[in-house]
Full PDB file with SEQRES, HELIX, SHEET, SSBOND, CRYST1, ORIGX, SCALE, CONECT and MASTER records, all heavy atoms in Angstrom:
SEQRES   1 A   39  ARG ILE ASN GLU GLN ILE LYS PHE ARG GLU ARG TRP ARG          
SEQRES   2 A   39  PRO PHE GLY PRO ALA MET LEU ASP ARG VAL ALA PRO GLN          
SEQRES   3 A   39  MET LEU ALA GLY VAL HIS LEU ALA PRO PHE MET THR LEU          
HELIX    1 AA1 ILE A    2  ILE A    6  3                                   5    
HELIX    2 AA2 ALA A   24  MET A   27  1                                   4    
CRYST1    1.000    1.000    1.000  90.00  90.00  90.00 P 1           1          
ORIGX1      1.000000  0.000000  0.000000        0.00000                         
ORIGX2      0.000000  1.000000  0.000000        0.00000                         
ORIGX3      0.000000  0.000000  1.000000        0.00000                         
SCALE1      1.000000  0.000000  0.000000        0.00000                         
SCALE2      0.000000  1.000000  0.000000        0.00000                         
SCALE3      0.000000  0.000000  1.000000        0.00000                         
ATOM      1  N   ARG A   1      50.716  -2.052  60.244  1.00  0.00           N  
ATOM      2  CA  ARG A   1      49.977  -2.913  59.246  1.00  0.00           C  
ATOM      3  C   ARG A   1      49.552  -2.046  57.951  1.00  0.00           C  
ATOM      4  O   ARG A   1      49.725  -2.393  56.856  1.00  0.00           O  
ATOM      5  CB  ARG A   1      48.723  -3.439  59.771  1.00  0.00           C  
ATOM      6  CG  ARG A   1      47.978  -4.311  58.900  1.00  0.00           C  
ATOM      7  CD  ARG A   1      46.593  -4.847  59.382  1.00  0.00           C  
ATOM      8  NE  ARG A   1      45.737  -5.343  58.312  1.00  0.00           N  
ATOM      9  CZ  ARG A   1      44.541  -5.768  58.429  1.00  0.00           C  
ATOM     10  NH1 ARG A   1      43.940  -5.531  59.610  1.00  0.00           N  
ATOM     11  NH2 ARG A   1      43.830  -6.185  57.438  1.00  0.00           N  
ATOM     12  N   ILE A   2      49.161  -0.745  58.182  1.00  0.00           N  
ATOM     13  CA  ILE A   2      48.779   0.214  57.068  1.00  0.00           C  
ATOM     14  C   ILE A   2      49.983   0.443  56.401  1.00  0.00           C  
ATOM     15  O   ILE A   2      49.907   0.525  55.085  1.00  0.00           O  
ATOM     16  CB  ILE A   2      48.036   1.380  57.680  1.00  0.00           C  
ATOM     17  CG1 ILE A   2      46.743   1.034  58.255  1.00  0.00           C  
ATOM     18  CG2 ILE A   2      47.776   2.386  56.641  1.00  0.00           C  
ATOM     19  CD1 ILE A   2      45.998   2.085  59.004  1.00  0.00           C  
ATOM     20  N   ASN A   3      51.049   0.751  57.003  1.00  0.00           N  
ATOM     21  CA  ASN A   3      52.243   1.099  56.300  1.00  0.00           C  
ATOM     22  C   ASN A   3      52.792  -0.048  55.386  1.00  0.00           C  
ATOM     23  O   ASN A   3      53.169   0.013  54.245  1.00  0.00           O  
ATOM     24  CB  ASN A   3      53.379   1.532  57.246  1.00  0.00           C  
ATOM     25  CG  ASN A   3      53.475   2.980  57.482  1.00  0.00           C  
ATOM     26  OD1 ASN A   3      53.027   3.847  56.646  1.00  0.00           O  
ATOM     27  ND2 ASN A   3      53.875   3.331  58.724  1.00  0.00           N  
ATOM     28  N   GLU A   4      52.814  -1.290  56.017  1.00  0.00           N  
ATOM     29  CA  GLU A   4      53.396  -2.365  55.291  1.00  0.00           C  
ATOM     30  C   GLU A   4      52.627  -3.124  54.308  1.00  0.00           C  
ATOM     31  O   GLU A   4      53.125  -3.494  53.220  1.00  0.00           O  
ATOM     32  CB  GLU A   4      53.938  -3.375  56.296  1.00  0.00           C  
ATOM     33  CG  GLU A   4      55.014  -2.793  57.253  1.00  0.00           C  
ATOM     34  CD  GLU A   4      55.499  -3.808  58.371  1.00  0.00           C  
ATOM     35  OE1 GLU A   4      54.901  -4.932  58.412  1.00  0.00           O  
ATOM     36  OE2 GLU A   4      56.243  -3.393  59.174  1.00  0.00           O  
ATOM     37  N   GLN A   5      51.332  -3.340  54.593  1.00  0.00           N  
ATOM     38  CA  GLN A   5      50.447  -4.096  53.804  1.00  0.00           C  
ATOM     39  C   GLN A   5      49.526  -3.389  53.040  1.00  0.00           C  
ATOM     40  O   GLN A   5      48.809  -3.993  52.084  1.00  0.00           O  
ATOM     41  CB  GLN A   5      49.738  -5.183  54.822  1.00  0.00           C  
ATOM     42  CG  GLN A   5      50.621  -6.009  55.564  1.00  0.00           C  
ATOM     43  CD  GLN A   5      49.893  -6.914  56.589  1.00  0.00           C  
ATOM     44  OE1 GLN A   5      48.611  -7.040  56.398  1.00  0.00           O  
ATOM     45  NE2 GLN A   5      50.530  -7.414  57.583  1.00  0.00           N  
ATOM     46  N   ILE A   6      49.199  -2.081  53.330  1.00  0.00           N  
ATOM     47  CA  ILE A   6      48.263  -1.404  52.562  1.00  0.00           C  
ATOM     48  C   ILE A   6      48.815  -0.238  51.719  1.00  0.00           C  
ATOM     49  O   ILE A   6      48.745  -0.088  50.550  1.00  0.00           O  
ATOM     50  CB  ILE A   6      47.077  -0.808  53.581  1.00  0.00           C  
ATOM     51  CG1 ILE A   6      46.274  -2.000  54.145  1.00  0.00           C  
ATOM     52  CG2 ILE A   6      46.198   0.092  52.786  1.00  0.00           C  
ATOM     53  CD1 ILE A   6      45.535  -1.667  55.340  1.00  0.00           C  
ATOM     54  N   LYS A   7      49.697   0.555  52.464  1.00  0.00           N  
ATOM     55  CA  LYS A   7      50.237   1.780  51.754  1.00  0.00           C  
ATOM     56  C   LYS A   7      51.622   1.316  51.116  1.00  0.00           C  
ATOM     57  O   LYS A   7      52.051   2.070  50.215  1.00  0.00           O  
ATOM     58  CB  LYS A   7      50.513   2.871  52.847  1.00  0.00           C  
ATOM     59  CG  LYS A   7      49.370   3.352  53.524  1.00  0.00           C  
ATOM     60  CD  LYS A   7      48.647   4.479  52.737  1.00  0.00           C  
ATOM     61  CE  LYS A   7      49.249   5.667  52.810  1.00  0.00           C  
ATOM     62  NZ  LYS A   7      48.501   6.855  52.193  1.00  0.00           N  
ATOM     63  N   PHE A   8      52.123   0.195  51.458  1.00  0.00           N  
ATOM     64  CA  PHE A   8      53.476  -0.242  50.985  1.00  0.00           C  
ATOM     65  C   PHE A   8      54.547   0.780  51.070  1.00  0.00           C  
ATOM     66  O   PHE A   8      55.204   1.108  50.124  1.00  0.00           O  
ATOM     67  CB  PHE A   8      53.268  -0.704  49.508  1.00  0.00           C  
ATOM     68  CG  PHE A   8      52.233  -1.738  49.476  1.00  0.00           C  
ATOM     69  CD1 PHE A   8      51.237  -1.546  48.460  1.00  0.00           C  
ATOM     70  CD2 PHE A   8      52.406  -2.932  50.010  1.00  0.00           C  
ATOM     71  CE1 PHE A   8      50.210  -2.526  48.215  1.00  0.00           C  
ATOM     72  CE2 PHE A   8      51.294  -3.902  49.924  1.00  0.00           C  
ATOM     73  CZ  PHE A   8      50.229  -3.750  48.934  1.00  0.00           C  
ATOM     74  N   ARG A   9      54.686   1.365  52.301  1.00  0.00           N  
ATOM     75  CA  ARG A   9      55.652   2.590  52.392  1.00  0.00           C  
ATOM     76  C   ARG A   9      56.472   2.177  53.693  1.00  0.00           C  
ATOM     77  O   ARG A   9      56.304   1.165  54.322  1.00  0.00           O  
ATOM     78  CB  ARG A   9      54.929   3.815  52.551  1.00  0.00           C  
ATOM     79  CG  ARG A   9      54.075   4.053  53.777  1.00  0.00           C  
ATOM     80  CD  ARG A   9      53.479   5.349  53.829  1.00  0.00           C  
ATOM     81  NE  ARG A   9      53.008   5.738  55.201  1.00  0.00           N  
ATOM     82  CZ  ARG A   9      52.429   6.834  55.525  1.00  0.00           C  
ATOM     83  NH1 ARG A   9      52.175   7.696  54.625  1.00  0.00           N  
ATOM     84  NH2 ARG A   9      52.196   6.991  56.895  1.00  0.00           N  
ATOM     85  N   GLU A  10      57.430   3.050  53.873  1.00  0.00           N  
ATOM     86  CA  GLU A  10      58.427   2.910  54.939  1.00  0.00           C  
ATOM     87  C   GLU A  10      57.709   2.749  56.330  1.00  0.00           C  
ATOM     88  O   GLU A  10      56.775   3.414  56.765  1.00  0.00           O  
ATOM     89  CB  GLU A  10      59.383   4.095  55.083  1.00  0.00           C  
ATOM     90  CG  GLU A  10      60.160   4.280  53.791  1.00  0.00           C  
ATOM     91  CD  GLU A  10      59.532   5.337  52.887  1.00  0.00           C  
ATOM     92  OE1 GLU A  10      58.283   5.512  52.969  1.00  0.00           O  
ATOM     93  OE2 GLU A  10      60.086   5.790  51.914  1.00  0.00           O  
ATOM     94  N   ARG A  11      58.150   1.710  57.109  1.00  0.00           N  
ATOM     95  CA  ARG A  11      57.575   1.400  58.348  1.00  0.00           C  
ATOM     96  C   ARG A  11      57.564   2.631  59.401  1.00  0.00           C  
ATOM     97  O   ARG A  11      56.638   2.643  60.264  1.00  0.00           O  
ATOM     98  CB  ARG A  11      58.226   0.128  58.925  1.00  0.00           C  
ATOM     99  CG  ARG A  11      57.546  -0.276  60.284  1.00  0.00           C  
ATOM    100  CD  ARG A  11      58.262  -1.607  60.637  1.00  0.00           C  
ATOM    101  NE  ARG A  11      57.602  -2.115  61.897  1.00  0.00           N  
ATOM    102  CZ  ARG A  11      57.840  -3.178  62.493  1.00  0.00           C  
ATOM    103  NH1 ARG A  11      58.771  -4.061  61.991  1.00  0.00           N  
ATOM    104  NH2 ARG A  11      57.210  -3.572  63.539  1.00  0.00           N  
ATOM    105  N   TRP A  12      58.652   3.441  59.375  1.00  0.00           N  
ATOM    106  CA  TRP A  12      58.780   4.442  60.291  1.00  0.00           C  
ATOM    107  C   TRP A  12      57.925   5.738  60.009  1.00  0.00           C  
ATOM    108  O   TRP A  12      57.754   6.655  60.795  1.00  0.00           O  
ATOM    109  CB  TRP A  12      60.217   4.893  60.447  1.00  0.00           C  
ATOM    110  CG  TRP A  12      60.938   5.087  59.136  1.00  0.00           C  
ATOM    111  CD1 TRP A  12      61.689   4.219  58.370  1.00  0.00           C  
ATOM    112  CD2 TRP A  12      60.875   6.345  58.259  1.00  0.00           C  
ATOM    113  NE1 TRP A  12      61.979   4.736  57.199  1.00  0.00           N  
ATOM    114  CE2 TRP A  12      61.565   6.066  57.213  1.00  0.00           C  
ATOM    115  CE3 TRP A  12      60.348   7.629  58.428  1.00  0.00           C  
ATOM    116  CZ2 TRP A  12      61.755   6.989  56.122  1.00  0.00           C  
ATOM    117  CZ3 TRP A  12      60.458   8.515  57.535  1.00  0.00           C  
ATOM    118  CH2 TRP A  12      61.194   8.171  56.358  1.00  0.00           C  
ATOM    119  N   ARG A  13      57.181   5.745  58.862  1.00  0.00           N  
ATOM    120  CA  ARG A  13      56.466   6.940  58.567  1.00  0.00           C  
ATOM    121  C   ARG A  13      55.172   7.048  59.516  1.00  0.00           C  
ATOM    122  O   ARG A  13      54.518   5.981  59.693  1.00  0.00           O  
ATOM    123  CB  ARG A  13      55.897   6.700  57.079  1.00  0.00           C  
ATOM    124  CG  ARG A  13      56.909   6.748  56.146  1.00  0.00           C  
ATOM    125  CD  ARG A  13      57.139   8.089  55.586  1.00  0.00           C  
ATOM    126  NE  ARG A  13      56.003   8.644  54.973  1.00  0.00           N  
ATOM    127  CZ  ARG A  13      55.650   8.251  53.645  1.00  0.00           C  
ATOM    128  NH1 ARG A  13      56.398   7.503  52.923  1.00  0.00           N  
ATOM    129  NH2 ARG A  13      54.568   8.858  53.102  1.00  0.00           N  
ATOM    130  N   PRO A  14      54.917   8.232  60.097  1.00  0.00           N  
ATOM    131  CA  PRO A  14      53.874   8.487  61.054  1.00  0.00           C  
ATOM    132  C   PRO A  14      52.584   8.655  60.369  1.00  0.00           C  
ATOM    133  O   PRO A  14      52.464   8.970  59.233  1.00  0.00           O  
ATOM    134  CB  PRO A  14      54.353   9.638  61.809  1.00  0.00           C  
ATOM    135  CG  PRO A  14      55.054  10.505  60.741  1.00  0.00           C  
ATOM    136  CD  PRO A  14      55.750   9.528  59.825  1.00  0.00           C  
ATOM    137  N   PHE A  15      51.507   8.436  61.250  1.00  0.00           N  
ATOM    138  CA  PHE A  15      50.161   8.862  60.846  1.00  0.00           C  
ATOM    139  C   PHE A  15      49.578   9.897  61.820  1.00  0.00           C  
ATOM    140  O   PHE A  15      49.961   9.980  62.983  1.00  0.00           O  
ATOM    141  CB  PHE A  15      49.266   7.555  60.924  1.00  0.00           C  
ATOM    142  CG  PHE A  15      49.526   6.553  59.866  1.00  0.00           C  
ATOM    143  CD1 PHE A  15      50.184   5.292  60.300  1.00  0.00           C  
ATOM    144  CD2 PHE A  15      49.320   6.699  58.562  1.00  0.00           C  
ATOM    145  CE1 PHE A  15      50.449   4.449  59.282  1.00  0.00           C  
ATOM    146  CE2 PHE A  15      49.610   5.820  57.618  1.00  0.00           C  
ATOM    147  CZ  PHE A  15      50.144   4.593  58.067  1.00  0.00           C  
ATOM    148  N   GLY A  16      48.579  10.652  61.226  1.00  0.00           N  
ATOM    149  CA  GLY A  16      48.130  11.720  62.087  1.00  0.00           C  
ATOM    150  C   GLY A  16      46.765  11.318  62.636  1.00  0.00           C  
ATOM    151  O   GLY A  16      45.947  10.512  61.971  1.00  0.00           O  
ATOM    152  N   PRO A  17      46.244  11.934  63.670  1.00  0.00           N  
ATOM    153  CA  PRO A  17      44.957  11.727  64.235  1.00  0.00           C  
ATOM    154  C   PRO A  17      43.933  12.821  63.761  1.00  0.00           C  
ATOM    155  O   PRO A  17      44.331  14.007  63.548  1.00  0.00           O  
ATOM    156  CB  PRO A  17      45.146  11.993  65.779  1.00  0.00           C  
ATOM    157  CG  PRO A  17      46.231  13.005  65.884  1.00  0.00           C  
ATOM    158  CD  PRO A  17      47.088  12.829  64.557  1.00  0.00           C  
ATOM    159  N   ALA A  18      42.670  12.449  63.548  1.00  0.00           N  
ATOM    160  CA  ALA A  18      41.606  13.340  63.374  1.00  0.00           C  
ATOM    161  C   ALA A  18      40.789  13.133  64.538  1.00  0.00           C  
ATOM    162  O   ALA A  18      40.424  12.010  64.994  1.00  0.00           O  
ATOM    163  CB  ALA A  18      40.772  12.926  62.144  1.00  0.00           C  
ATOM    164  N   MET A  19      40.298  14.249  65.179  1.00  0.00           N  
ATOM    165  CA  MET A  19      39.688  14.096  66.382  1.00  0.00           C  
ATOM    166  C   MET A  19      38.480  15.216  66.592  1.00  0.00           C  
ATOM    167  O   MET A  19      38.454  16.223  65.753  1.00  0.00           O  
ATOM    168  CB  MET A  19      40.697  14.558  67.633  1.00  0.00           C  
ATOM    169  CG  MET A  19      41.127  16.014  67.608  1.00  0.00           C  
ATOM    170  SD  MET A  19      42.623  16.191  68.562  1.00  0.00           S  
ATOM    171  CE  MET A  19      43.801  15.112  67.724  1.00  0.00           C  
ATOM    172  N   LEU A  20      37.589  14.935  67.327  1.00  0.00           N  
ATOM    173  CA  LEU A  20      36.425  15.763  67.620  1.00  0.00           C  
ATOM    174  C   LEU A  20      36.891  17.194  68.127  1.00  0.00           C  
ATOM    175  O   LEU A  20      37.865  17.165  68.959  1.00  0.00           O  
ATOM    176  CB  LEU A  20      35.449  15.249  68.602  1.00  0.00           C  
ATOM    177  CG  LEU A  20      34.864  13.861  68.183  1.00  0.00           C  
ATOM    178  CD1 LEU A  20      33.957  13.292  69.361  1.00  0.00           C  
ATOM    179  CD2 LEU A  20      34.146  13.904  66.850  1.00  0.00           C  
ATOM    180  N   ASP A  21      36.275  18.251  67.779  1.00  0.00           N  
ATOM    181  CA  ASP A  21      36.769  19.569  68.241  1.00  0.00           C  
ATOM    182  C   ASP A  21      36.798  19.653  69.744  1.00  0.00           C  
ATOM    183  O   ASP A  21      37.583  20.366  70.363  1.00  0.00           O  
ATOM    184  CB  ASP A  21      35.996  20.662  67.601  1.00  0.00           C  
ATOM    185  CG  ASP A  21      34.481  20.448  67.654  1.00  0.00           C  
ATOM    186  OD1 ASP A  21      33.983  19.431  68.170  1.00  0.00           O  
ATOM    187  OD2 ASP A  21      33.716  21.187  67.012  1.00  0.00           O  
ATOM    188  N   ARG A  22      35.829  18.986  70.485  1.00  0.00           N  
ATOM    189  CA  ARG A  22      35.730  19.084  71.848  1.00  0.00           C  
ATOM    190  C   ARG A  22      36.865  18.275  72.517  1.00  0.00           C  
ATOM    191  O   ARG A  22      37.109  18.348  73.761  1.00  0.00           O  
ATOM    192  CB  ARG A  22      34.365  18.717  72.391  1.00  0.00           C  
ATOM    193  CG  ARG A  22      33.931  17.331  71.966  1.00  0.00           C  
ATOM    194  CD  ARG A  22      32.519  16.894  72.567  1.00  0.00           C  
ATOM    195  NE  ARG A  22      32.034  15.716  71.948  1.00  0.00           N  
ATOM    196  CZ  ARG A  22      32.290  14.540  72.385  1.00  0.00           C  
ATOM    197  NH1 ARG A  22      33.250  14.375  73.205  1.00  0.00           N  
ATOM    198  NH2 ARG A  22      31.779  13.385  71.704  1.00  0.00           N  
ATOM    199  N   VAL A  23      37.571  17.325  71.875  1.00  0.00           N  
ATOM    200  CA  VAL A  23      38.475  16.435  72.292  1.00  0.00           C  
ATOM    201  C   VAL A  23      39.833  17.191  72.241  1.00  0.00           C  
ATOM    202  O   VAL A  23      40.821  16.910  73.032  1.00  0.00           O  
ATOM    203  CB  VAL A  23      38.471  15.021  71.578  1.00  0.00           C  
ATOM    204  CG1 VAL A  23      39.756  14.239  72.076  1.00  0.00           C  
ATOM    205  CG2 VAL A  23      37.207  14.275  71.976  1.00  0.00           C  
ATOM    206  N   ALA A  24      39.951  18.006  71.209  1.00  0.00           N  
ATOM    207  CA  ALA A  24      41.325  18.548  70.976  1.00  0.00           C  
ATOM    208  C   ALA A  24      41.995  19.358  72.181  1.00  0.00           C  
ATOM    209  O   ALA A  24      43.065  19.094  72.429  1.00  0.00           O  
ATOM    210  CB  ALA A  24      41.198  19.510  69.770  1.00  0.00           C  
ATOM    211  N   PRO A  25      41.226  20.150  72.962  1.00  0.00           N  
ATOM    212  CA  PRO A  25      41.767  20.744  74.063  1.00  0.00           C  
ATOM    213  C   PRO A  25      42.260  19.858  75.130  1.00  0.00           C  
ATOM    214  O   PRO A  25      43.211  20.143  75.875  1.00  0.00           O  
ATOM    215  CB  PRO A  25      40.652  21.674  74.621  1.00  0.00           C  
ATOM    216  CG  PRO A  25      39.696  21.795  73.389  1.00  0.00           C  
ATOM    217  CD  PRO A  25      39.729  20.588  72.760  1.00  0.00           C  
ATOM    218  N   GLN A  26      41.812  18.624  75.287  1.00  0.00           N  
ATOM    219  CA  GLN A  26      42.184  17.555  76.272  1.00  0.00           C  
ATOM    220  C   GLN A  26      43.436  16.988  75.771  1.00  0.00           C  
ATOM    221  O   GLN A  26      44.389  16.642  76.523  1.00  0.00           O  
ATOM    222  CB  GLN A  26      41.170  16.490  76.259  1.00  0.00           C  
ATOM    223  CG  GLN A  26      39.801  17.048  76.736  1.00  0.00           C  
ATOM    224  CD  GLN A  26      38.702  15.979  76.662  1.00  0.00           C  
ATOM    225  OE1 GLN A  26      39.032  14.768  76.802  1.00  0.00           O  
ATOM    226  NE2 GLN A  26      37.543  16.345  76.357  1.00  0.00           N  
ATOM    227  N   MET A  27      43.592  16.615  74.426  1.00  0.00           N  
ATOM    228  CA  MET A  27      44.697  15.820  73.886  1.00  0.00           C  
ATOM    229  C   MET A  27      45.838  16.674  73.565  1.00  0.00           C  
ATOM    230  O   MET A  27      47.017  16.191  73.628  1.00  0.00           O  
ATOM    231  CB  MET A  27      44.146  15.026  72.664  1.00  0.00           C  
ATOM    232  CG  MET A  27      45.242  14.156  72.079  1.00  0.00           C  
ATOM    233  SD  MET A  27      44.494  13.118  70.716  1.00  0.00           S  
ATOM    234  CE  MET A  27      46.043  12.576  70.001  1.00  0.00           C  
ATOM    235  N   LEU A  28      45.634  17.786  72.907  1.00  0.00           N  
ATOM    236  CA  LEU A  28      46.682  18.684  72.409  1.00  0.00           C  
ATOM    237  C   LEU A  28      47.220  19.755  73.277  1.00  0.00           C  
ATOM    238  O   LEU A  28      46.372  20.448  73.925  1.00  0.00           O  
ATOM    239  CB  LEU A  28      46.360  19.229  71.029  1.00  0.00           C  
ATOM    240  CG  LEU A  28      45.769  18.157  70.054  1.00  0.00           C  
ATOM    241  CD1 LEU A  28      45.321  18.836  68.792  1.00  0.00           C  
ATOM    242  CD2 LEU A  28      46.874  17.169  69.708  1.00  0.00           C  
ATOM    243  N   ALA A  29      48.468  19.976  73.459  1.00  0.00           N  
ATOM    244  CA  ALA A  29      49.022  21.196  74.090  1.00  0.00           C  
ATOM    245  C   ALA A  29      49.003  22.365  73.169  1.00  0.00           C  
ATOM    246  O   ALA A  29      49.317  22.443  72.117  1.00  0.00           O  
ATOM    247  CB  ALA A  29      50.391  20.837  74.528  1.00  0.00           C  
ATOM    248  N   GLY A  30      48.304  23.361  73.750  1.00  0.00           N  
ATOM    249  CA  GLY A  30      48.189  24.675  73.005  1.00  0.00           C  
ATOM    250  C   GLY A  30      46.852  24.634  72.357  1.00  0.00           C  
ATOM    251  O   GLY A  30      46.256  23.686  71.978  1.00  0.00           O  
ATOM    252  N   VAL A  31      46.356  25.849  72.170  1.00  0.00           N  
ATOM    253  CA  VAL A  31      44.991  26.032  71.520  1.00  0.00           C  
ATOM    254  C   VAL A  31      45.254  26.854  70.168  1.00  0.00           C  
ATOM    255  O   VAL A  31      45.742  27.982  70.215  1.00  0.00           O  
ATOM    256  CB  VAL A  31      44.124  26.871  72.411  1.00  0.00           C  
ATOM    257  CG1 VAL A  31      42.829  27.189  71.766  1.00  0.00           C  
ATOM    258  CG2 VAL A  31      43.942  26.096  73.692  1.00  0.00           C  
ATOM    259  N   HIS A  32      44.943  26.160  68.994  1.00  0.00           N  
ATOM    260  CA  HIS A  32      45.065  26.776  67.756  1.00  0.00           C  
ATOM    261  C   HIS A  32      44.235  26.068  66.760  1.00  0.00           C  
ATOM    262  O   HIS A  32      44.063  24.832  66.904  1.00  0.00           O  
ATOM    263  CB  HIS A  32      46.483  26.849  67.316  1.00  0.00           C  
ATOM    264  CG  HIS A  32      46.767  27.783  66.208  1.00  0.00           C  
ATOM    265  ND1 HIS A  32      46.423  27.488  64.910  1.00  0.00           N  
ATOM    266  CD2 HIS A  32      47.271  29.001  66.185  1.00  0.00           C  
ATOM    267  CE1 HIS A  32      46.728  28.524  64.019  1.00  0.00           C  
ATOM    268  NE2 HIS A  32      47.231  29.413  64.847  1.00  0.00           N  
ATOM    269  N   LEU A  33      43.611  26.766  65.835  1.00  0.00           N  
ATOM    270  CA  LEU A  33      42.764  26.084  64.837  1.00  0.00           C  
ATOM    271  C   LEU A  33      43.680  25.204  64.079  1.00  0.00           C  
ATOM    272  O   LEU A  33      44.753  25.418  63.752  1.00  0.00           O  
ATOM    273  CB  LEU A  33      42.255  27.194  63.871  1.00  0.00           C  
ATOM    274  CG  LEU A  33      41.241  28.168  64.497  1.00  0.00           C  
ATOM    275  CD1 LEU A  33      40.810  29.267  63.482  1.00  0.00           C  
ATOM    276  CD2 LEU A  33      39.968  27.535  64.970  1.00  0.00           C  
ATOM    277  N   ALA A  34      43.053  24.023  63.847  1.00  0.00           N  
ATOM    278  CA  ALA A  34      43.882  22.959  63.117  1.00  0.00           C  
ATOM    279  C   ALA A  34      42.933  22.105  62.206  1.00  0.00           C  
ATOM    280  O   ALA A  34      42.810  20.850  62.435  1.00  0.00           O  
ATOM    281  CB  ALA A  34      44.655  22.114  64.031  1.00  0.00           C  
ATOM    282  N   PRO A  35      42.212  22.690  61.217  1.00  0.00           N  
ATOM    283  CA  PRO A  35      41.348  21.951  60.361  1.00  0.00           C  
ATOM    284  C   PRO A  35      42.009  21.159  59.255  1.00  0.00           C  
ATOM    285  O   PRO A  35      41.382  20.309  58.636  1.00  0.00           O  
ATOM    286  CB  PRO A  35      40.368  23.029  59.842  1.00  0.00           C  
ATOM    287  CG  PRO A  35      41.266  24.210  59.738  1.00  0.00           C  
ATOM    288  CD  PRO A  35      42.202  24.189  60.927  1.00  0.00           C  
ATOM    289  N   PHE A  36      43.313  21.469  58.937  1.00  0.00           N  
ATOM    290  CA  PHE A  36      43.865  21.002  57.644  1.00  0.00           C  
ATOM    291  C   PHE A  36      45.126  20.022  57.948  1.00  0.00           C  
ATOM    292  O   PHE A  36      45.804  19.794  56.862  1.00  0.00           O  
ATOM    293  CB  PHE A  36      44.287  22.221  56.925  1.00  0.00           C  
ATOM    294  CG  PHE A  36      43.158  23.067  56.484  1.00  0.00           C  
ATOM    295  CD1 PHE A  36      43.259  24.416  56.767  1.00  0.00           C  
ATOM    296  CD2 PHE A  36      41.832  22.668  56.039  1.00  0.00           C  
ATOM    297  CE1 PHE A  36      42.281  25.345  56.382  1.00  0.00           C  
ATOM    298  CE2 PHE A  36      40.928  23.448  55.599  1.00  0.00           C  
ATOM    299  CZ  PHE A  36      41.025  24.863  55.851  1.00  0.00           C  
ATOM    300  N   MET A  37      45.376  19.659  59.113  1.00  0.00           N  
ATOM    301  CA  MET A  37      46.617  18.808  59.309  1.00  0.00           C  
ATOM    302  C   MET A  37      47.891  19.584  58.872  1.00  0.00           C  
ATOM    303  O   MET A  37      48.779  18.964  58.327  1.00  0.00           O  
ATOM    304  CB  MET A  37      46.518  17.479  58.655  1.00  0.00           C  
ATOM    305  CG  MET A  37      45.775  16.398  59.558  1.00  0.00           C  
ATOM    306  SD  MET A  37      46.042  14.832  58.864  1.00  0.00           S  
ATOM    307  CE  MET A  37      45.380  13.818  60.196  1.00  0.00           C  
ATOM    308  N   THR A  38      48.009  20.813  59.177  1.00  0.00           N  
ATOM    309  CA  THR A  38      49.167  21.617  58.797  1.00  0.00           C  
ATOM    310  C   THR A  38      49.955  22.035  59.978  1.00  0.00           C  
ATOM    311  O   THR A  38      50.823  22.805  59.826  1.00  0.00           O  
ATOM    312  CB  THR A  38      48.630  22.845  58.083  1.00  0.00           C  
ATOM    313  OG1 THR A  38      47.698  23.575  58.753  1.00  0.00           O  
ATOM    314  CG2 THR A  38      48.163  22.520  56.639  1.00  0.00           C  
ATOM    315  N   LEU A  39      49.605  21.432  61.239  1.00  0.00           N  
ATOM    316  CA  LEU A  39      50.355  21.688  62.434  1.00  0.00           C  
ATOM    317  C   LEU A  39      50.539  20.489  63.196  1.00  0.00           C  
ATOM    318  O   LEU A  39      49.757  19.597  63.217  1.00  0.00           O  
ATOM    319  CB  LEU A  39      49.491  22.623  63.344  1.00  0.00           C  
ATOM    320  CG  LEU A  39      49.433  24.225  62.947  1.00  0.00           C  
ATOM    321  CD1 LEU A  39      48.340  24.896  63.883  1.00  0.00           C  
ATOM    322  CD2 LEU A  39      50.784  24.860  63.187  1.00  0.00           C  
TER     323      LEU A  39                                                      
MASTER        0    0    0    2    0    0    0    6  322    1    0    3          
END                                                                             
């Protein structure tokens, strides 16, 4: 919905998650600082 009706961009384009720092070790494989969506 965001791709098609709001951003008006290609449907296959992905979105990223923002998460609490205490959730990251549960959801993500590997431990590394990631404050900027560059990984």
